Protein backbone atom coordinates (compact mmCIF):
# COMPACT_ATOMS: atom_id res chain seq x y z
CA MET A 1 0.00 0.00 0.00
CA ILE A 2 2.86 2.40 0.83
CA ARG A 3 4.39 1.75 -2.58
CA PHE A 4 1.05 2.69 -4.16
CA PHE A 5 1.07 6.08 -2.38
CA ASP A 6 4.75 6.57 -3.27
CA ILE A 7 3.92 6.20 -6.96
CA VAL A 8 0.81 8.39 -6.80
CA PHE A 9 2.41 11.20 -4.76
CA SER A 10 5.71 11.23 -6.66
CA SER A 11 3.91 11.27 -10.02
CA LEU A 12 1.70 14.17 -8.88
CA ALA A 13 4.71 16.00 -7.47
CA ILE A 14 6.58 15.79 -10.77
CA ILE A 15 3.59 17.27 -12.60
CA ILE A 16 3.13 20.04 -10.03
CA ILE A 17 6.77 21.12 -9.77
CA ALA A 18 7.58 20.75 -13.48
CA PRO A 19 7.04 24.50 -14.18
CA ILE A 20 9.63 25.54 -11.58
CA LEU A 21 12.26 22.98 -12.54
CA LEU A 22 13.38 24.76 -15.73
CA PRO A 23 14.15 28.09 -14.00
CA ILE A 24 16.07 26.24 -11.28
CA MET A 25 18.06 24.29 -13.87
CA ILE A 26 18.90 27.47 -15.80
CA LEU A 27 19.96 29.21 -12.59
CA LEU A 28 22.27 26.34 -11.65
CA LYS A 29 23.69 26.10 -15.16
CA PHE A 30 24.84 29.70 -15.17
CA THR A 31 26.05 29.97 -11.58
CA GLY A 32 28.67 28.08 -9.65
CA GLU A 33 30.40 25.45 -11.77
CA GLY A 34 27.61 25.00 -14.30
CA GLU A 35 26.44 21.67 -12.92
CA ILE A 36 22.69 21.02 -12.61
CA PHE A 37 22.47 17.62 -10.95
CA TYR A 38 24.61 15.84 -8.42
CA PHE A 39 24.70 12.05 -8.26
CA GLN A 40 25.99 10.26 -5.19
CA THR A 41 26.11 6.59 -4.27
CA ARG A 42 23.95 5.83 -1.23
CA VAL A 43 23.08 2.66 0.68
CA GLY A 44 19.61 1.23 -0.01
CA VAL A 45 17.83 -2.06 0.62
CA ASN A 46 20.66 -4.59 0.26
CA LYS A 47 22.15 -2.53 -2.54
CA THR A 48 23.53 0.87 -3.42
CA PHE A 49 21.90 3.32 -5.80
CA GLU A 50 22.58 6.73 -7.30
CA LEU A 51 20.80 9.46 -5.33
CA ILE A 52 19.85 12.51 -7.43
CA LYS A 53 20.02 16.07 -6.11
CA PHE A 54 20.33 19.54 -7.52
CA ALA A 55 23.98 20.58 -7.36
CA THR A 56 24.53 22.90 -4.40
CA MET A 57 28.21 22.30 -3.67
CA LEU A 58 31.53 22.26 -5.52
CA LYS A 59 31.99 19.19 -7.72
CA ASN A 60 35.00 17.99 -5.77
CA SER A 61 33.44 18.67 -2.35
CA PRO A 62 33.55 14.99 -1.19
CA ASN A 63 37.34 15.23 -1.37
CA MET A 64 37.53 18.61 0.35
CA GLY A 65 37.10 19.84 3.93
CA THR A 66 34.80 17.62 5.98
CA GLY A 67 34.10 15.20 3.12
CA SER A 68 30.55 13.80 3.07
CA ILE A 69 29.61 15.77 6.19
CA THR A 70 28.24 19.29 5.61
CA ILE A 71 28.67 21.91 8.30
CA LYS A 72 27.07 25.30 8.91
CA ASP A 73 28.41 28.02 6.56
CA ASP A 74 30.30 25.32 4.66
CA PRO A 75 32.63 27.13 2.21
CA ARG A 76 32.00 24.44 -0.43
CA ILE A 77 28.36 25.51 -0.89
CA LEU A 78 27.64 27.36 -4.15
CA PRO A 79 26.00 30.84 -4.37
CA PHE A 80 22.38 29.62 -4.52
CA GLY A 81 23.13 26.37 -2.73
CA ARG A 82 22.45 27.68 0.76
CA PHE A 83 18.90 28.75 -0.14
CA PHE A 84 18.19 25.50 -1.99
CA ARG A 85 19.45 23.44 0.95
CA LYS A 86 17.54 25.43 3.58
CA THR A 87 14.26 25.15 1.65
CA LYS A 88 15.04 21.53 0.63
CA ILE A 89 14.62 22.46 -3.05
CA ASN A 90 17.86 20.58 -3.69
CA GLU A 91 16.09 17.36 -2.68
CA LEU A 92 13.33 17.61 -5.31
CA PRO A 93 15.06 15.42 -7.95
CA GLN A 94 14.90 12.53 -5.50
CA ILE A 95 11.24 12.24 -6.44
CA ILE A 96 12.64 10.38 -9.47
CA ASN A 97 14.39 7.95 -7.07
CA VAL A 98 11.02 7.41 -5.37
CA LEU A 99 9.25 6.79 -8.68
CA LEU A 100 11.97 4.31 -9.71
CA GLY A 101 11.57 2.42 -6.43
CA ASP A 102 15.04 3.10 -5.01
CA MET A 103 13.44 5.13 -2.23
CA SER A 104 10.12 5.78 -0.53
CA LEU A 105 8.76 9.21 0.33
CA VAL A 106 9.25 8.21 3.97
CA GLY A 107 12.01 6.08 5.44
CA PRO A 108 15.48 6.13 6.99
CA ARG A 109 17.68 8.70 5.28
CA PRO A 110 19.99 6.98 2.75
CA LEU A 111 23.61 7.60 3.67
CA THR A 112 26.95 7.32 1.93
CA LYS A 113 28.83 4.10 2.65
CA GLU A 114 31.23 6.02 4.88
CA ASN A 115 28.52 7.48 7.11
CA PHE A 116 26.43 4.29 7.03
CA ASN A 117 29.39 2.40 8.45
CA PHE A 118 29.29 4.60 11.54
CA TYR A 119 26.18 2.63 12.56
CA SER A 120 26.55 -0.52 14.64
CA TYR A 121 26.16 -3.93 13.02
CA ASP A 122 22.66 -4.39 14.46
CA VAL A 123 21.48 -0.99 13.20
CA LYS A 124 22.89 -1.59 9.72
CA LYS A 125 21.22 -4.99 9.54
CA ILE A 126 17.79 -3.51 10.29
CA LEU A 127 18.17 -0.51 7.98
CA LYS A 128 19.32 -2.65 5.06
CA SER A 129 15.88 -4.25 5.10
CA THR A 130 13.97 -0.94 5.10
CA LYS A 131 13.58 1.22 2.00
CA PRO A 132 15.27 4.60 2.55
CA GLY A 133 13.19 7.75 2.32
CA LEU A 134 13.11 11.28 1.01
CA SER A 135 12.15 12.22 4.57
CA GLY A 136 11.89 10.33 7.83
CA ILE A 137 12.05 10.66 11.58
CA GLY A 138 15.83 11.03 11.43
CA SER A 139 15.60 13.71 8.74
CA ILE A 140 12.99 15.65 10.72
CA VAL A 141 14.80 15.55 14.05
CA PHE A 142 18.16 16.38 12.46
CA ARG A 143 16.86 19.01 10.04
CA ASN A 144 19.41 21.48 11.46
CA GLU A 145 22.21 18.97 11.70
CA GLU A 146 24.67 21.49 10.24
CA GLU A 147 24.21 23.70 13.31
CA ILE A 148 25.30 20.85 15.58
CA LEU A 149 28.40 20.23 13.50
CA GLN A 150 30.30 23.36 14.43
CA GLY A 151 33.71 23.83 15.92
CA LYS A 152 36.43 21.22 15.95
CA ASN A 153 36.47 17.42 15.53
CA ILE A 154 33.55 17.39 13.07
CA GLN A 155 34.00 13.77 11.98
CA GLU A 156 34.29 12.57 15.57
CA LYS A 157 31.23 14.60 16.62
CA TYR A 158 29.17 13.08 13.82
CA LYS A 159 30.34 9.55 14.56
CA GLU A 160 30.14 9.66 18.36
CA LEU A 161 27.17 11.99 18.95
CA ILE A 162 24.87 12.27 15.93
CA SER A 163 25.18 8.83 14.36
CA PRO A 164 24.18 6.75 17.44
CA TYR A 165 21.01 8.76 18.11
CA LYS A 166 20.09 8.98 14.46
CA GLY A 167 20.51 5.21 14.24
CA ASP A 168 18.18 4.73 17.22
CA LEU A 169 15.55 6.93 15.53
CA GLU A 170 15.79 5.11 12.20
CA VAL A 171 15.53 1.70 13.89
CA TRP A 172 12.46 2.89 15.79
CA PHE A 173 10.89 3.95 12.49
CA SER A 174 11.74 0.65 10.79
CA LYS A 175 10.19 -1.37 13.61
CA ASN A 176 7.04 0.77 13.76
CA LEU A 177 6.46 1.44 10.07
CA SER A 178 2.77 1.67 9.20
CA LEU A 179 0.55 3.62 6.83
CA ARG A 180 -0.40 5.94 9.69
CA LEU A 181 3.24 6.66 10.54
CA TYR A 182 3.93 7.21 6.84
CA PHE A 183 1.37 10.04 6.70
CA GLU A 184 2.40 11.44 10.09
CA ILE A 185 6.00 11.82 8.88
CA ILE A 186 4.83 13.54 5.67
CA PHE A 187 2.78 16.00 7.75
CA PHE A 188 5.61 16.81 10.16
CA THR A 189 8.10 17.17 7.30
CA ILE A 190 5.95 19.94 5.79
CA TYR A 191 5.31 21.49 9.21
CA ILE A 192 8.98 21.70 10.17
CA ILE A 193 10.05 23.07 6.77
CA ILE A 194 7.55 25.90 7.32
CA PHE A 195 7.92 26.53 11.07
CA ASN A 196 11.33 24.96 11.88
CA LYS A 197 10.21 23.72 15.31
CA HIS A 198 11.56 20.33 16.39
CA SER A 199 9.83 20.33 19.77
CA VAL A 200 6.42 19.51 18.27
CA VAL A 201 7.77 16.18 17.03
CA PHE A 202 9.00 15.21 20.47
CA SER A 203 5.67 16.28 21.98
CA TYR A 204 3.61 14.30 19.48
CA PHE A 205 5.75 11.17 19.70
CA GLN A 206 6.34 11.53 23.46
CA ASN A 207 7.30 8.24 25.11
CA LYS A 208 7.49 6.64 21.67
CA ILE A 209 10.65 7.75 19.90
CA PRO A 210 14.01 7.38 21.66
CA GLU A 211 14.98 10.34 23.84
CA PRO A 212 18.02 12.33 22.70
CA PRO A 213 21.20 12.31 24.75
CA ASP A 214 21.75 15.32 27.00
CA GLU A 215 24.37 16.79 24.66
CA LEU A 216 21.77 17.13 21.88
CA ARG A 217 18.73 18.33 23.84
CA LYS A 218 19.47 22.03 23.43
CA PHE A 219 19.47 21.67 19.65
CA PHE A 220 15.97 20.19 19.68
CA ASN A 221 14.42 22.82 21.99
CA LYS A 222 14.03 20.24 24.74
């Protein structure tokens, strides 16, 4: 049933956003490095696939600075990239991934192999059996992840602080996946993009989703 809604919603989305895609593509073509799309290998259900995004960073960014981890005010972000990333416009091409069946609209966020390997064996085993999503509980809670990743030891902070809690959230989603949860995540994704308030998610899912560690509470308005 979820696959049915993925096909319906992604098809409708492509039709609705088609008029704005051309201006975005022209803008990207004539700014930055002239690249329109960015393809990156991500981990899916027992396979890897090519995730599609609008290009918002320098072409060689994975080999520069903090690698696959993006930080606040990252110098690798292109002129219009910051706006596209904040509004999530850069994620729109992933609707094609959803239509192709590589992803669902809702699911654990697909990661690069490097970041996926930060998860424990048990977490990886569960997530490899769940279709990754355009949005999900991990994506919602960590919408402002770049703000957490400031200062020194970025890689260590991601691995030791963010990755364990994000893994707990994604496992919770995988174990509780239902049509109701699917629509709840879609609703909160839209809500948080508009209002940027994480606390409502913790209030709604109180005593359901894993609690964040003390070091992260201040970032989630808890």
